Amino acid sequence: MASAHLFKAFGIPVRAHWSFWLVVCVLATEFQVYLNAGLGVSLLLTVCFYGCLLLHELGHSLTARRYGINTREIKMTMLGGMAMFERSPRVPRQELFITAAGPLVNFVIAGLLFAGQCLAFGLPFGPTSDLSFEAWESKFCWLLMFLNLVLGIFNLLPGFPMDGGRILRALLALKLPYLKATHIAVRVGQLVGASFILLPVLGIWGGIITALIGLMVIFLAQAELMRVRAEEALKQGSANLNRLFGGLFGGRAPGGGNGWGFTFGGSPPGPSQAEPSPAEPPSPPRDDSDCVIDMDPDGKVRKVWRKDESDG
């Protein structure tokens, strides 16, 4: 899908997908109701919210830069931001720090907003304080603080593509092989996605958007597992590719079927690796009966062709 370049932040290009502008309009309308203010104020809150999302992605990107992993771009979409790394961190401790940096940024922003409100208006608790949700919604900074808390907590849920899934994988990978850690983290994440679908169906919590997020978590988690499987298989050659992907890269599939007939990272199979194809029978001798001759009325030959050839 088309995306537009916005600017560079710390040398990293920031681009906006077309769906980003759609969600900006929708959120501005929703925030206008919560704030009970004009469209300008709600647009400002929307810009600040997406600014926090951008800082979240910069937290990932700048931490990754410390480990020598560059970021090609940050793309803003309807689902938030995505930092596109040049390569995935494979050292568990590095992945843990890189992933945790994003939610940590949101918690720091929420803490700073809380401290600013306390300095400006006093502590929000006591016998005369109103801590109702409606009172929080009516204040710009309180709502922005609440949004950062929700963003940070939501990203810590243990499901891909949320940061919590990667944090869980990194913690497991400290003791387990990377592929096995990914497999466990993906299955846990898919349970989270299934709960996102089940809760709205049962009428407990959420709606159609929650169910769609659950579907996205299930499919993207499986895509992450397939990506890691491919990376692990590429390290070990065609034999492991064949084992993981059912004979796609040559040899025989685990179920006993034939592969696609080519190998990866090695020489072509010799006579002992593949059955020789049967030789084609020789063409029968041809005579004049196999030919068609087109002649003019005066006896001149205009064209001669075989019967099994097209006239074109």
Foldseek 3Di string as FASTA:
>chain_A
DDWAWDDDDPNATEIEDPQLVVLLVVQLVVLCVLQVDDSVLSSVLSVVLLVLLVVLLVQLQVLVVVVVWHWNHWYQHSVTIDTHIPDDDPQLVSLLNSLLSNLVSLLVLLVVLQVVCCVVPNHQDDPPHDPDPSVLSNDSSSVSSVSSVCLSVVLLQLFPPRSVVSNQLSVVVVPDPSLVSLVVSLVSNLVVLVVLLVCVVVPNDDHPVSNVVSVVRNVVSVVVSVVVQVVVDVVVFFVSVQAVPQQQAAAGGPVGHGYPQHTPPDDHDDCVRDPDDDDDDDDDDDDPVQKDWDADPVGHTDDIDGPPDDPD
